[in-house]
Amino acid sequence: MTTVTPHAQARATVLYDGDCGFCKWSLAKLLAWDRRGALRPLPLQDPEADRLLGGMESERKLASWHLVAEDGSVVSAGRALAPLFGLLPGGRPLAALASALGPVTERGYGWVAGHRDVFGKAVSAGARRRASARIARRSAGAIRPER
């Protein structure tokens, strides 16, 4: 396992619903893909999230995930997929596709987000535990290359 100073390599912060099992499972998959440590996970329930989101109203904040770039700019929901994919190894083609399909990407994200409770039921307790452990390792600054 490679350990780095916490968030030394992070280029963006991913704000996610820490109370949502499907959200954590999805984020853990992204962190596994993110072998370089470009992403820093932070639950929306953390007080730092309010600071990063500049006082965004609670309902809007919890309705979606958010990507906060190094410069402080924020993109949310489906619009955040293109810049997110652009940060991941080999993700540029998906970033271009998500960008080109902008409105479709946004609607697709909205549909998934609207059904996350249904998808969450399909995530096993073991998968949720593994996801929480991966997020905790990354939050602590550990980056484990995936096998």
C-alpha atoms as a PDB file:
ATOM      1  CA  MET A   1       0.000   0.000   0.000  1.00  0.00           C
ATOM      2  CA  THR A   2       1.253   3.446  -0.887  1.00  0.00           C
ATOM      3  CA  THR A   3       0.610   6.122   1.691  1.00  0.00           C
ATOM      4  CA  VAL A   4       0.720   9.810   0.899  1.00  0.00           C
ATOM      5  CA  THR A   5       0.184  12.904   2.955  1.00  0.00           C
ATOM      6  CA  PRO A   6      -3.603  13.201   3.252  1.00  0.00           C
ATOM      7  CA  HIS A   7      -5.011  14.732   0.086  1.00  0.00           C
ATOM      8  CA  ALA A   8      -1.567  15.777  -1.182  1.00  0.00           C
ATOM      9  CA  GLN A   9      -2.399  14.561  -4.677  1.00  0.00           C
ATOM     10  CA  ALA A  10      -6.143  15.291  -4.675  1.00  0.00           C
ATOM     11  CA  ARG A  11      -7.251  17.561  -7.493  1.00  0.00           C
ATOM     12  CA  ALA A  12     -10.950  17.601  -6.650  1.00  0.00           C
ATOM     13  CA  THR A  13     -13.258  16.905  -3.732  1.00  0.00           C
ATOM     14  CA  VAL A  14     -16.235  14.625  -4.236  1.00  0.00           C
ATOM     15  CA  LEU A  15     -19.096  15.546  -1.913  1.00  0.00           C
ATOM     16  CA  TYR A  16     -21.479  12.628  -1.419  1.00  0.00           C
ATOM     17  CA  ASP A  17     -24.356  11.633   0.862  1.00  0.00           C
ATOM     18  CA  GLY A  18     -22.665   9.782   3.712  1.00  0.00           C
ATOM     19  CA  ASP A  19     -26.016   8.306   4.765  1.00  0.00           C
ATOM     20  CA  CYS A  20     -26.668   6.680   1.369  1.00  0.00           C
ATOM     21  CA  GLY A  21     -25.346   3.134   0.957  1.00  0.00           C
ATOM     22  CA  PHE A  22     -25.647   3.261  -2.840  1.00  0.00           C
ATOM     23  CA  CYS A  23     -23.839   6.612  -2.921  1.00  0.00           C
ATOM     24  CA  LYS A  24     -20.959   5.223  -0.852  1.00  0.00           C
ATOM     25  CA  TRP A  25     -20.794   2.060  -2.955  1.00  0.00           C
ATOM     26  CA  SER A  26     -20.674   4.133  -6.168  1.00  0.00           C
ATOM     27  CA  LEU A  27     -18.022   6.439  -4.760  1.00  0.00           C
ATOM     28  CA  ALA A  28     -15.897   3.474  -3.668  1.00  0.00           C
ATOM     29  CA  LYS A  29     -15.956   2.195  -7.272  1.00  0.00           C
ATOM     30  CA  LEU A  30     -14.718   5.593  -8.464  1.00  0.00           C
ATOM     31  CA  LEU A  31     -11.978   5.613  -5.812  1.00  0.00           C
ATOM     32  CA  ALA A  32     -10.840   2.164  -6.956  1.00  0.00           C
ATOM     33  CA  TRP A  33     -10.563   3.563 -10.492  1.00  0.00           C
ATOM     34  CA  ASP A  34      -8.731   6.644  -9.178  1.00  0.00           C
ATOM     35  CA  ARG A  35      -5.353   4.972  -8.654  1.00  0.00           C
ATOM     36  CA  ARG A  36      -3.533   8.324  -8.707  1.00  0.00           C
ATOM     37  CA  GLY A  37      -5.497   9.802  -5.829  1.00  0.00           C
ATOM     38  CA  ALA A  38      -7.004  12.744  -7.713  1.00  0.00           C
ATOM     39  CA  LEU A  39     -10.254  12.538  -5.734  1.00  0.00           C
ATOM     40  CA  ARG A  40     -10.846  13.396  -2.100  1.00  0.00           C
ATOM     41  CA  PRO A  41     -14.117  12.065  -0.686  1.00  0.00           C
ATOM     42  CA  LEU A  42     -16.058  14.209   1.774  1.00  0.00           C
ATOM     43  CA  PRO A  43     -19.567  13.496   3.071  1.00  0.00           C
ATOM     44  CA  LEU A  44     -22.126  16.238   2.576  1.00  0.00           C
ATOM     45  CA  GLN A  45     -22.829  15.976   6.300  1.00  0.00           C
ATOM     46  CA  ASP A  46     -19.291  17.205   7.142  1.00  0.00           C
ATOM     47  CA  PRO A  47     -19.170  20.903   8.155  1.00  0.00           C
ATOM     48  CA  GLU A  48     -16.475  21.501   5.517  1.00  0.00           C
ATOM     49  CA  ALA A  49     -19.027  20.658   2.812  1.00  0.00           C
ATOM     50  CA  ASP A  50     -21.025  23.787   3.682  1.00  0.00           C
ATOM     51  CA  ARG A  51     -17.912  25.903   3.296  1.00  0.00           C
ATOM     52  CA  LEU A  52     -16.997  24.292  -0.035  1.00  0.00           C
ATOM     53  CA  LEU A  53     -20.532  24.706  -1.375  1.00  0.00           C
ATOM     54  CA  GLY A  54     -20.726  28.361  -0.418  1.00  0.00           C
ATOM     55  CA  GLY A  55     -23.936  28.165   1.569  1.00  0.00           C
ATOM     56  CA  MET A  56     -25.928  26.108  -0.935  1.00  0.00           C
ATOM     57  CA  GLU A  57     -29.403  25.441   0.462  1.00  0.00           C
ATOM     58  CA  SER A  58     -29.736  22.098   2.244  1.00  0.00           C
ATOM     59  CA  GLU A  59     -32.344  20.595  -0.082  1.00  0.00           C
ATOM     60  CA  ARG A  60     -30.238  21.279  -3.179  1.00  0.00           C
ATOM     61  CA  LYS A  61     -27.077  20.161  -1.392  1.00  0.00           C
ATOM     62  CA  LEU A  62     -28.526  16.764  -0.463  1.00  0.00           C
ATOM     63  CA  ALA A  63     -30.295  16.204  -3.797  1.00  0.00           C
ATOM     64  CA  SER A  64     -27.054  15.451  -5.617  1.00  0.00           C
ATOM     65  CA  TRP A  65     -23.361  14.795  -5.413  1.00  0.00           C
ATOM     66  CA  HIS A  66     -20.958  17.649  -6.115  1.00  0.00           C
ATOM     67  CA  LEU A  67     -17.446  17.940  -7.530  1.00  0.00           C
ATOM     68  CA  VAL A  68     -15.357  20.802  -6.177  1.00  0.00           C
ATOM     69  CA  ALA A  69     -12.267  21.597  -8.253  1.00  0.00           C
ATOM     70  CA  GLU A  70      -8.996  22.944  -6.891  1.00  0.00           C
ATOM     71  CA  ASP A  71     -10.056  26.460  -7.889  1.00  0.00           C
ATOM     72  CA  GLY A  72     -13.230  26.144  -5.808  1.00  0.00           C
ATOM     73  CA  SER A  73     -15.615  25.825  -8.743  1.00  0.00           C
ATOM     74  CA  VAL A  74     -18.533  23.465  -8.146  1.00  0.00           C
ATOM     75  CA  VAL A  75     -20.390  21.251 -10.608  1.00  0.00           C
ATOM     76  CA  SER A  76     -23.201  18.962  -9.550  1.00  0.00           C
ATOM     77  CA  ALA A  77     -25.278  15.996 -10.666  1.00  0.00           C
ATOM     78  CA  GLY A  78     -24.860  14.820 -14.269  1.00  0.00           C
ATOM     79  CA  ARG A  79     -22.926  17.947 -15.243  1.00  0.00           C
ATOM     80  CA  ALA A  80     -20.157  16.798 -12.886  1.00  0.00           C
ATOM     81  CA  LEU A  81     -19.577  13.510 -14.695  1.00  0.00           C
ATOM     82  CA  ALA A  82     -17.465  14.925 -17.550  1.00  0.00           C
ATOM     83  CA  PRO A  83     -14.954  16.695 -15.288  1.00  0.00           C
ATOM     84  CA  LEU A  84     -14.924  13.701 -12.940  1.00  0.00           C
ATOM     85  CA  PHE A  85     -14.145  11.228 -15.727  1.00  0.00           C
ATOM     86  CA  GLY A  86     -11.449  13.608 -16.975  1.00  0.00           C
ATOM     87  CA  LEU A  87      -9.596  13.168 -13.678  1.00  0.00           C
ATOM     88  CA  LEU A  88      -9.569   9.373 -13.843  1.00  0.00           C
ATOM     89  CA  PRO A  89      -6.997   7.199 -15.634  1.00  0.00           C
ATOM     90  CA  GLY A  90      -8.301   6.465 -19.129  1.00  0.00           C
ATOM     91  CA  GLY A  91     -11.427   8.481 -18.446  1.00  0.00           C
ATOM     92  CA  ARG A  92     -11.061  11.111 -21.159  1.00  0.00           C
ATOM     93  CA  PRO A  93     -13.203   9.278 -23.739  1.00  0.00           C
ATOM     94  CA  LEU A  94     -16.010   8.963 -21.176  1.00  0.00           C
ATOM     95  CA  ALA A  95     -15.535  12.617 -20.247  1.00  0.00           C
ATOM     96  CA  ALA A  96     -15.949  13.607 -23.893  1.00  0.00           C
ATOM     97  CA  LEU A  97     -19.041  11.416 -24.228  1.00  0.00           C
ATOM     98  CA  ALA A  98     -20.627  12.772 -21.027  1.00  0.00           C
ATOM     99  CA  SER A  99     -19.918  16.304 -22.217  1.00  0.00           C
ATOM    100  CA  ALA A 100     -21.313  15.695 -25.710  1.00  0.00           C
ATOM    101  CA  LEU A 101     -24.451  14.114 -24.283  1.00  0.00           C
ATOM    102  CA  GLY A 102     -24.913  16.875 -21.682  1.00  0.00           C
ATOM    103  CA  PRO A 103     -28.724  16.923 -21.306  1.00  0.00           C
ATOM    104  CA  VAL A 104     -28.951  13.134 -21.637  1.00  0.00           C
ATOM    105  CA  THR A 105     -26.229  12.690 -19.019  1.00  0.00           C
ATOM    106  CA  GLU A 106     -28.084  15.047 -16.685  1.00  0.00           C
ATOM    107  CA  ARG A 107     -31.408  13.233 -17.149  1.00  0.00           C
ATOM    108  CA  GLY A 108     -29.722   9.850 -16.689  1.00  0.00           C
ATOM    109  CA  TYR A 109     -28.097  11.014 -13.485  1.00  0.00           C
ATOM    110  CA  GLY A 110     -31.431  12.383 -12.275  1.00  0.00           C
ATOM    111  CA  TRP A 111     -33.137   9.053 -12.925  1.00  0.00           C
ATOM    112  CA  VAL A 112     -30.463   7.089 -11.039  1.00  0.00           C
ATOM    113  CA  ALA A 113     -30.467   9.589  -8.154  1.00  0.00           C
ATOM    114  CA  GLY A 114     -34.246   9.407  -7.974  1.00  0.00           C
ATOM    115  CA  HIS A 115     -34.050   5.634  -7.580  1.00  0.00           C
ATOM    116  CA  ARG A 116     -30.987   5.375  -5.340  1.00  0.00           C
ATOM    117  CA  ASP A 117     -33.032   3.809  -2.558  1.00  0.00           C
ATOM    118  CA  VAL A 118     -34.006   0.993  -4.938  1.00  0.00           C
ATOM    119  CA  PHE A 119     -30.422   0.533  -6.132  1.00  0.00           C
ATOM    120  CA  GLY A 120     -29.216   0.710  -2.542  1.00  0.00           C
ATOM    121  CA  LYS A 121     -31.269  -2.359  -1.648  1.00  0.00           C
ATOM    122  CA  ALA A 122     -29.232  -4.334  -4.180  1.00  0.00           C
ATOM    123  CA  VAL A 123     -25.950  -3.431  -2.450  1.00  0.00           C
ATOM    124  CA  SER A 124     -25.102  -6.105   0.094  1.00  0.00           C
ATOM    125  CA  ALA A 125     -24.057  -5.328   3.661  1.00  0.00           C
ATOM    126  CA  GLY A 126     -20.584  -6.655   2.850  1.00  0.00           C
ATOM    127  CA  ALA A 127     -20.294  -4.379  -0.181  1.00  0.00           C
ATOM    128  CA  ARG A 128     -21.365  -1.406   1.953  1.00  0.00           C
ATOM    129  CA  ARG A 129     -18.724  -2.276   4.573  1.00  0.00           C
ATOM    130  CA  ARG A 130     -16.002  -2.589   1.930  1.00  0.00           C
ATOM    131  CA  ALA A 131     -17.097   0.709   0.366  1.00  0.00           C
ATOM    132  CA  SER A 132     -16.996   2.474   3.739  1.00  0.00           C
ATOM    133  CA  ALA A 133     -13.528   1.045   4.400  1.00  0.00           C
ATOM    134  CA  ARG A 134     -12.209   2.217   1.005  1.00  0.00           C
ATOM    135  CA  ILE A 135     -13.630   5.713   1.567  1.00  0.00           C
ATOM    136  CA  ALA A 136     -12.130   5.845   5.069  1.00  0.00           C
ATOM    137  CA  ARG A 137      -8.696   4.840   3.722  1.00  0.00           C
ATOM    138  CA  ARG A 138      -8.834   7.536   1.050  1.00  0.00           C
ATOM    139  CA  SER A 139     -10.114  10.109   3.540  1.00  0.00           C
ATOM    140  CA  ALA A 140      -7.080   9.307   5.683  1.00  0.00           C
ATOM    141  CA  GLY A 141      -4.805   9.825   2.689  1.00  0.00           C
ATOM    142  CA  ALA A 142      -4.006   6.215   1.842  1.00  0.00           C
ATOM    143  CA  ILE A 143      -4.055   5.281  -1.810  1.00  0.00           C
ATOM    144  CA  ARG A 144      -4.079   1.568  -2.483  1.00  0.00           C
ATOM    145  CA  PRO A 145      -3.455   0.545  -6.083  1.00  0.00           C
ATOM    146  CA  GLU A 146      -6.113  -1.925  -7.147  1.00  0.00           C
ATOM    147  CA  ARG A 147      -5.177  -5.388  -8.312  1.00  0.00           C
END
